[in-house]
Amino acid sequence: MTTTPRVFHEYLVNLFFNPPQNQRVSGFISPETSLKHLKKITAALALAAGFAAPSAYAQSAVCSPDQTIKFAGITWESAQLYTSLIRTMLETGYGCKTEMVIGSSAATETALVSNDLQVWVESWNRTDIIKKGQEMGKVRLVGDLLSGGGAIEGFFVPEFVIKGDAKRGIKATAPDLKTVGDLPKYKALFKDDEEPSKGRFLSCPVGWDCEKFNTQKLKAYKLDNDYTNFRAGTGAALDAAISSAIERGKPILFYYWSPASLMGKYKLVQLQEPAYNAKCWDTIKDIKVKDVCPSATPNTKLTVAVSTPFANSNAGAVAVMEKVQLNPDQINGAVAQMTERKASSDVVAREFMKANPAVWQKWVSADAASKINAALK
């Protein structure tokens, strides 16, 4: 029979208040018996404490047992994949309780600052909300989600434009295209049908930070007289335009970034830009500056933003998040699967973990890894 904490409690009470009759002397416990009795009580207390300790310790080592960790529901695929990886590890490896909070980036970032949600995965640390949250000591950025220097952004063309594609019967149409400085002589190749004397540069939707940056870059690179600055209507429209051109084997010049699904789906080449220059980058970030000078976009460190109260009370969970890292091929390949198969991030995350145990097992304890592997079967 298994002894339960309740049985121990009853035993302890009886032992303390009702010692055996043969150990009493005229209704009182003898000195010799008192010592033996005290030892029994001490041993019982230690054993009873053992019932509560394992469970409490297992929880407190990673996450608070009475808290549901609320994650921001991010709208782009790479962040969704990272979020699913972290939630899967915490839930199946450590018994943590988690849930998603859906909302716009601004709404969920504001909720993070006020600790109404606790985790915001794949922060690019660009918004005033996150920056002010850090200044006030209410938000911390932890980890380094992407190896190789972080997220990249810039001007891209399909690889077949430069190298051709023998399997598809496509010849290289711009074999010498290497830098943004080469673009003026190739404007006819990227002709804008609405303004045939210029090439078309496909940029971000209005309202995105990159749309402002690209507008300034076209000026800084002296391309505004040779290329139109065509803004996609939405992120989906940007992807659709790029995919359509590549599938048809047509040349296209566009802005893009990594990690992202198209980076895992197609072979793309990033054009070289003038080296990053902090002072020039300041002129590019400010759309009001007219005397703009050239600079590449600096790589961005991708982190996990957590609320400070959560970090203070869940150091173990934060320690797991700090170790999570994928390389560009891994994250781009995974999100490409999400897009092509229309599969959820939870499904693809579990598939990735099954296929790549050596990648994620170093992020968690051996005991947690065993539990996660069992849950993945």
Protein backbone atom coordinates (compact mmCIF):
# COMPACT_ATOMS: atom_id res chain seq x y z
CA MET A 1 0.00 0.00 0.00
CA THR A 2 1.28 3.47 -0.84
CA THR A 3 1.44 5.87 2.10
CA THR A 4 -0.13 9.25 1.30
CA PRO A 5 0.60 12.67 2.83
CA ARG A 6 -2.82 12.54 4.54
CA VAL A 7 -2.00 9.23 6.22
CA PHE A 8 1.30 10.68 7.42
CA HIS A 9 -0.48 13.70 8.79
CA GLU A 10 -2.83 11.51 10.83
CA TYR A 11 0.09 9.36 11.99
CA LEU A 12 2.09 12.41 13.05
CA VAL A 13 -0.79 13.90 15.04
CA ASN A 14 -1.43 10.60 16.80
CA LEU A 15 2.27 10.11 17.53
CA PHE A 16 2.61 13.57 19.01
CA PHE A 17 -0.50 13.64 21.16
CA ASN A 18 -0.99 9.95 21.92
CA PRO A 19 2.25 8.14 22.75
CA PRO A 20 1.82 4.43 23.60
CA GLN A 21 0.36 3.76 27.06
CA ASN A 22 3.28 1.53 28.04
CA GLN A 23 5.58 4.53 27.61
CA ARG A 24 3.66 6.65 30.13
CA VAL A 25 4.39 6.93 33.87
CA SER A 26 1.35 7.98 35.90
CA GLY A 27 -0.07 9.71 32.84
CA PHE A 28 3.23 11.38 31.95
CA ILE A 29 6.00 10.36 29.55
CA SER A 30 9.22 9.26 31.19
CA PRO A 31 12.47 11.15 30.33
CA GLU A 32 13.90 8.12 28.52
CA THR A 33 10.73 7.68 26.51
CA SER A 34 10.60 11.43 25.72
CA LEU A 35 13.91 11.23 23.90
CA LYS A 36 12.83 8.18 21.88
CA HIS A 37 9.48 9.78 21.18
CA LEU A 38 11.12 13.02 20.03
CA LYS A 39 13.34 11.09 17.63
CA LYS A 40 10.28 9.40 16.12
CA ILE A 41 8.54 12.74 15.68
CA THR A 42 11.65 14.28 14.09
CA ALA A 43 11.98 11.36 11.66
CA ALA A 44 8.29 11.57 10.80
CA LEU A 45 8.52 15.31 10.17
CA ALA A 46 11.47 14.83 7.84
CA LEU A 47 9.68 12.09 5.92
CA ALA A 48 6.47 14.10 5.72
CA ALA A 49 8.41 17.08 4.36
CA GLY A 50 9.70 14.80 1.64
CA PHE A 51 6.20 14.35 0.25
CA ALA A 52 5.82 18.03 -0.56
CA ALA A 53 9.40 18.75 -1.51
CA PRO A 54 9.82 16.90 -4.84
CA SER A 55 6.80 18.48 -6.54
CA ALA A 56 7.45 21.96 -5.21
CA TYR A 57 11.12 21.76 -6.14
CA ALA A 58 10.44 20.55 -9.65
CA GLN A 59 8.10 23.46 -10.28
CA SER A 60 10.08 26.22 -8.57
CA ALA A 61 13.25 25.22 -10.43
CA VAL A 62 11.77 26.42 -13.72
CA CYS A 63 8.34 28.06 -13.39
CA SER A 64 5.93 29.10 -10.65
CA PRO A 65 3.37 26.31 -10.09
CA ASP A 66 0.49 28.74 -9.56
CA GLN A 67 1.13 30.84 -12.69
CA THR A 68 0.03 30.40 -16.28
CA ILE A 69 2.72 31.89 -18.51
CA LYS A 70 1.08 34.06 -21.15
CA PHE A 71 2.84 34.29 -24.52
CA ALA A 72 2.14 36.96 -27.13
CA GLY A 73 0.53 35.59 -30.28
CA ILE A 74 2.93 36.97 -32.92
CA THR A 75 1.72 37.29 -36.50
CA TRP A 76 4.83 36.25 -38.47
CA GLU A 77 5.96 32.68 -38.99
CA SER A 78 9.48 32.68 -37.53
CA ALA A 79 8.26 34.15 -34.24
CA GLN A 80 5.42 31.63 -34.16
CA LEU A 81 7.88 28.77 -34.65
CA TYR A 82 10.19 29.97 -31.87
CA THR A 83 7.18 30.45 -29.58
CA SER A 84 5.96 26.91 -30.22
CA LEU A 85 9.41 25.47 -29.53
CA ILE A 86 9.66 27.25 -26.18
CA ARG A 87 6.11 26.41 -25.10
CA THR A 88 6.57 22.75 -26.02
CA MET A 89 9.73 22.50 -23.92
CA LEU A 90 8.26 24.27 -20.89
CA GLU A 91 4.98 22.35 -20.96
CA THR A 92 6.20 18.82 -21.69
CA GLY A 93 9.64 19.04 -20.10
CA TYR A 94 8.89 20.99 -16.96
CA GLY A 95 5.13 20.86 -16.44
CA CYS A 96 4.65 24.61 -16.87
CA LYS A 97 1.26 26.02 -17.81
CA THR A 98 1.19 28.36 -20.81
CA GLU A 99 -1.35 30.07 -23.04
CA MET A 100 -1.41 32.46 -26.01
CA VAL A 101 -2.67 36.04 -25.98
CA ILE A 102 -3.70 37.22 -29.44
CA GLY A 103 -3.42 40.88 -30.40
CA SER A 104 -1.55 43.43 -32.47
CA SER A 105 2.16 43.95 -31.83
CA ALA A 106 1.46 47.26 -30.09
CA ALA A 107 -1.24 45.75 -27.88
CA THR A 108 0.80 42.72 -26.84
CA GLU A 109 3.95 44.77 -26.25
CA THR A 110 1.94 47.10 -24.02
CA ALA A 111 0.57 44.08 -22.17
CA LEU A 112 4.12 42.80 -21.68
CA VAL A 113 5.22 46.07 -20.09
CA SER A 114 2.31 45.87 -17.63
CA ASN A 115 2.93 42.13 -17.00
CA ASP A 116 -0.52 41.22 -18.35
CA LEU A 117 1.45 38.80 -20.50
CA GLN A 118 4.92 37.57 -19.72
CA VAL A 119 6.74 36.47 -22.89
CA TRP A 120 7.10 38.11 -26.32
CA VAL A 121 9.23 35.91 -28.58
CA GLU A 122 11.45 37.27 -31.39
CA SER A 123 11.73 40.87 -30.36
CA TRP A 124 13.59 43.07 -32.84
CA ASN A 125 13.88 45.79 -30.18
CA ARG A 126 12.74 48.57 -32.47
CA THR A 127 9.52 49.90 -31.00
CA ASP A 128 9.25 52.74 -28.51
CA ILE A 129 7.07 50.53 -26.32
CA ILE A 130 9.79 47.94 -25.79
CA LYS A 131 12.55 50.53 -25.48
CA LYS A 132 10.63 52.48 -22.83
CA GLY A 133 9.73 49.24 -21.07
CA GLN A 134 13.44 48.49 -20.74
CA GLU A 135 14.20 52.01 -19.54
CA MET A 136 11.56 51.67 -16.83
CA GLY A 137 12.94 48.31 -15.77
CA LYS A 138 9.73 46.50 -16.69
CA VAL A 139 11.04 44.48 -19.63
CA ARG A 140 14.16 42.40 -20.18
CA LEU A 141 15.55 41.07 -23.45
CA VAL A 142 17.12 37.63 -23.08
CA GLY A 143 18.77 35.10 -25.35
CA ASP A 144 20.01 35.20 -28.93
CA LEU A 145 17.56 33.31 -31.16
CA LEU A 146 19.48 33.40 -34.45
CA SER A 147 23.13 32.45 -34.94
CA GLY A 148 25.39 33.97 -37.56
CA GLY A 149 25.07 37.56 -36.43
CA GLY A 150 21.31 37.96 -36.27
CA ALA A 151 18.54 38.93 -38.68
CA ILE A 152 19.50 40.47 -42.02
CA GLU A 153 17.67 42.92 -44.30
CA GLY A 154 18.44 44.33 -47.68
CA PHE A 155 18.00 44.32 -51.47
CA PHE A 156 17.58 40.90 -53.09
CA VAL A 157 17.21 39.27 -56.51
CA PRO A 158 16.49 35.63 -57.42
CA GLU A 159 19.68 33.63 -57.83
CA PHE A 160 18.79 32.75 -61.44
CA VAL A 161 19.13 36.43 -62.40
CA ILE A 162 22.87 36.21 -61.70
CA LYS A 163 23.66 32.51 -62.19
CA GLY A 164 20.84 31.27 -64.39
CA ASP A 165 19.01 27.99 -63.81
CA ALA A 166 19.88 25.22 -66.26
CA LYS A 167 17.13 22.91 -65.00
CA ARG A 168 14.51 25.50 -65.82
CA GLY A 169 16.18 26.69 -69.00
CA ILE A 170 16.83 30.15 -67.57
CA LYS A 171 19.95 32.02 -68.63
CA ALA A 172 21.74 34.51 -66.40
CA THR A 173 20.56 38.00 -67.34
CA ALA A 174 22.76 40.00 -64.94
CA PRO A 175 25.91 37.92 -64.33
CA ASP A 176 27.88 40.95 -63.15
CA LEU A 177 25.26 42.23 -60.71
CA LYS A 178 26.88 42.26 -57.28
CA THR A 179 26.20 45.57 -55.56
CA VAL A 180 23.48 48.22 -55.36
CA GLY A 181 25.94 50.42 -57.27
CA ASP A 182 25.49 48.13 -60.29
CA LEU A 183 21.73 48.60 -60.42
CA PRO A 184 21.52 51.68 -62.72
CA LYS A 185 22.84 49.69 -65.69
CA TYR A 186 20.24 46.97 -65.11
CA LYS A 187 17.16 49.18 -64.80
CA ALA A 188 15.78 47.88 -68.10
CA LEU A 189 15.99 44.33 -66.76
CA PHE A 190 13.76 45.25 -63.82
CA LYS A 191 11.53 47.54 -65.90
CA ASP A 192 8.50 49.08 -64.26
CA ASP A 193 5.63 48.54 -66.72
CA GLU A 194 3.87 51.62 -65.38
CA GLU A 195 6.97 53.78 -65.86
CA PRO A 196 9.05 52.00 -68.54
CA SER A 197 11.99 54.42 -68.40
CA LYS A 198 12.75 53.20 -64.89
CA GLY A 199 13.30 49.93 -63.14
CA ARG A 200 10.99 48.86 -60.29
CA PHE A 201 12.15 48.28 -56.75
CA LEU A 202 9.56 46.35 -54.74
CA SER A 203 9.57 47.74 -51.22
CA CYS A 204 7.67 47.21 -47.96
CA PRO A 205 4.09 48.28 -47.31
CA VAL A 206 3.54 51.86 -46.18
CA GLY A 207 3.75 52.06 -42.40
CA TRP A 208 6.51 49.49 -42.01
CA ASP A 209 9.85 50.82 -40.74
CA CYS A 210 11.64 49.24 -43.69
CA GLU A 211 9.52 51.27 -46.13
CA LYS A 212 10.93 54.46 -44.63
CA PHE A 213 14.46 53.04 -44.61
CA ASN A 214 14.23 51.97 -48.25
CA THR A 215 12.92 55.37 -49.32
CA GLN A 216 15.99 56.97 -47.77
CA LYS A 217 18.31 54.31 -49.17
CA LEU A 218 17.16 54.92 -52.74
CA LYS A 219 18.19 58.54 -52.25
CA ALA A 220 21.47 57.68 -50.54
CA TYR A 221 22.40 55.17 -53.27
CA LYS A 222 21.32 57.66 -55.97
CA LEU A 223 18.83 55.20 -57.38
CA ASP A 224 15.70 57.34 -57.14
CA ASN A 225 16.15 58.65 -60.69
CA ASP A 226 16.51 55.12 -62.10
CA TYR A 227 14.02 53.12 -60.04
CA THR A 228 10.48 53.60 -58.85
CA ASN A 229 9.82 52.95 -55.19
CA PHE A 230 6.89 50.54 -55.47
CA ARG A 231 5.29 49.78 -52.10
CA ALA A 232 3.49 46.48 -51.65
CA GLY A 233 0.01 46.83 -50.21
CA THR A 234 0.55 44.24 -47.47
CA GLY A 235 3.17 41.76 -46.31
CA ALA A 236 1.20 39.01 -48.04
CA ALA A 237 1.12 41.03 -51.26
CA LEU A 238 4.90 41.49 -51.04
CA ASP A 239 5.41 37.73 -50.74
CA ALA A 240 2.91 37.02 -53.50
CA ALA A 241 4.62 39.38 -55.95
CA ILE A 242 8.04 37.88 -55.24
CA SER A 243 6.78 34.30 -55.50
CA SER A 244 4.90 34.99 -58.73
CA ALA A 245 7.98 36.44 -60.44
CA ILE A 246 10.26 33.64 -59.30
CA GLU A 247 7.82 30.89 -60.29
CA ARG A 248 7.55 32.46 -63.77
CA GLY A 249 11.33 32.85 -64.03
CA LYS A 250 11.08 36.65 -64.27
CA PRO A 251 13.68 39.05 -62.85
CA ILE A 252 12.59 41.04 -59.82
CA LEU A 253 14.41 43.43 -57.45
CA PHE A 254 12.96 43.59 -53.97
CA TYR A 255 13.50 44.21 -50.29
CA TYR A 256 13.47 41.20 -47.98
CA TRP A 257 14.79 39.87 -44.69
CA SER A 258 15.79 36.71 -42.87
CA PRO A 259 14.46 34.76 -41.06
CA ALA A 260 11.41 34.43 -43.30
CA SER A 261 9.61 31.70 -45.21
CA LEU A 262 10.65 32.79 -48.71
CA MET A 263 14.30 32.60 -47.66
CA GLY A 264 13.79 28.92 -47.02
CA LYS A 265 11.73 28.32 -50.16
CA TYR A 266 13.78 30.05 -52.87
CA LYS A 267 17.42 30.70 -53.71
CA LEU A 268 17.94 34.42 -53.29
CA VAL A 269 21.02 36.65 -53.50
CA GLN A 270 21.49 39.73 -51.35
CA LEU A 271 23.17 42.64 -53.13
CA GLN A 272 26.10 44.26 -51.39
CA GLU A 273 25.46 47.68 -49.90
CA PRO A 274 27.90 50.26 -48.52
CA ALA A 275 29.20 49.15 -45.13
CA TYR A 276 27.17 50.01 -42.06
CA ASN A 277 27.93 53.50 -40.80
CA ALA A 278 26.30 54.61 -37.56
CA LYS A 279 26.05 58.29 -38.51
CA CYS A 280 24.69 57.54 -41.97
CA TRP A 281 22.28 54.98 -40.53
CA ASP A 282 20.83 57.76 -38.37
CA THR A 283 20.06 59.74 -41.53
CA ILE A 284 18.39 56.70 -43.08
CA LYS A 285 16.22 56.05 -40.02
CA ASP A 286 14.90 59.62 -40.08
CA ILE A 287 12.61 60.11 -43.07
CA LYS A 288 12.77 63.89 -42.56
CA VAL A 289 16.49 64.06 -43.29
CA LYS A 290 17.18 65.19 -46.84
CA ASP A 291 20.98 65.05 -46.83
CA VAL A 292 21.13 61.29 -46.42
CA CYS A 293 24.31 59.21 -46.73
CA PRO A 294 24.67 55.50 -47.61
CA SER A 295 24.70 52.66 -45.10
CA ALA A 296 23.63 49.04 -44.97
CA THR A 297 21.04 48.05 -42.39
CA PRO A 298 22.81 46.64 -39.34
CA ASN A 299 22.07 43.04 -38.41
CA THR A 300 19.50 42.70 -35.65
CA LYS A 301 19.89 40.50 -32.61
CA LEU A 302 16.65 38.58 -32.10
CA THR A 303 15.72 38.06 -28.47
CA VAL A 304 12.92 36.96 -26.17
CA ALA A 305 11.30 39.88 -24.36
CA VAL A 306 10.06 38.97 -20.87
CA SER A 307 8.35 41.00 -18.17
CA THR A 308 10.63 41.75 -15.23
CA PRO A 309 8.27 40.30 -12.57
CA PHE A 310 8.14 37.05 -14.55
CA ALA A 311 11.92 36.94 -14.92
CA ASN A 312 12.38 37.48 -11.19
CA SER A 313 10.08 34.63 -10.19
CA ASN A 314 10.79 32.18 -13.05
CA ALA A 315 14.56 32.19 -13.43
CA GLY A 316 14.58 28.58 -14.62
CA ALA A 317 12.17 29.26 -17.47
CA VAL A 318 14.19 32.29 -18.51
CA ALA A 319 17.35 30.16 -18.46
CA VAL A 320 15.76 27.81 -21.00
CA MET A 321 14.79 30.74 -23.25
CA GLU A 322 18.33 32.12 -23.07
CA LYS A 323 19.70 28.94 -24.66
CA VAL A 324 17.29 28.69 -27.61
CA GLN A 325 19.08 29.33 -30.89
CA LEU A 326 18.70 28.18 -34.49
CA ASN A 327 20.82 28.89 -37.55
CA PRO A 328 19.31 30.64 -40.60
CA ASP A 329 18.85 27.43 -42.60
CA GLN A 330 17.03 25.74 -39.73
CA ILE A 331 14.54 28.52 -39.02
CA ASN A 332 13.99 29.44 -42.68
CA GLY A 333 13.45 25.80 -43.61
CA ALA A 334 10.95 25.32 -40.79
CA VAL A 335 8.89 28.39 -41.61
CA ALA A 336 8.92 27.47 -45.30
CA GLN A 337 7.25 24.21 -44.27
CA MET A 338 4.61 26.18 -42.39
CA THR A 339 3.86 28.25 -45.49
CA GLU A 340 3.97 25.52 -48.12
CA ARG A 341 1.91 23.00 -46.16
CA LYS A 342 -0.23 25.57 -44.35
CA ALA A 343 0.84 23.77 -41.18
CA SER A 344 0.64 25.34 -37.74
CA SER A 345 3.77 26.34 -35.87
CA ASP A 346 2.95 23.78 -33.17
CA VAL A 347 2.92 20.94 -35.72
CA VAL A 348 6.13 22.02 -37.44
CA ALA A 349 7.89 22.68 -34.12
CA ARG A 350 7.17 19.15 -32.93
CA GLU A 351 8.33 17.72 -36.26
CA PHE A 352 11.51 19.76 -36.04
CA MET A 353 12.18 18.56 -32.51
CA LYS A 354 11.64 14.93 -33.49
CA ALA A 355 14.05 15.25 -36.41
CA ASN A 356 16.69 17.35 -34.61
CA PRO A 357 17.02 16.20 -30.99
CA ALA A 358 20.69 17.22 -30.84
CA VAL A 359 19.70 20.83 -31.53
CA TRP A 360 17.26 21.36 -28.66
CA GLN A 361 18.39 18.84 -26.04
CA LYS A 362 21.28 21.10 -25.06
CA TRP A 363 18.75 23.80 -24.13
CA VAL A 364 17.12 21.73 -21.38
CA SER A 365 18.08 19.40 -18.54
CA ALA A 366 18.54 15.67 -19.18
CA ASP A 367 15.38 14.89 -17.22
CA ALA A 368 13.38 17.44 -19.20
CA ALA A 369 14.78 16.09 -22.48
CA SER A 370 13.60 12.59 -21.54
CA LYS A 371 10.08 13.86 -20.81
CA ILE A 372 9.97 15.92 -24.01
CA ASN A 373 11.08 12.96 -26.12
CA ALA A 374 8.37 10.83 -24.55
CA ALA A 375 5.76 13.50 -25.31
CA LEU A 376 6.90 13.78 -28.93
CA LYS A 377 6.31 10.09 -29.67
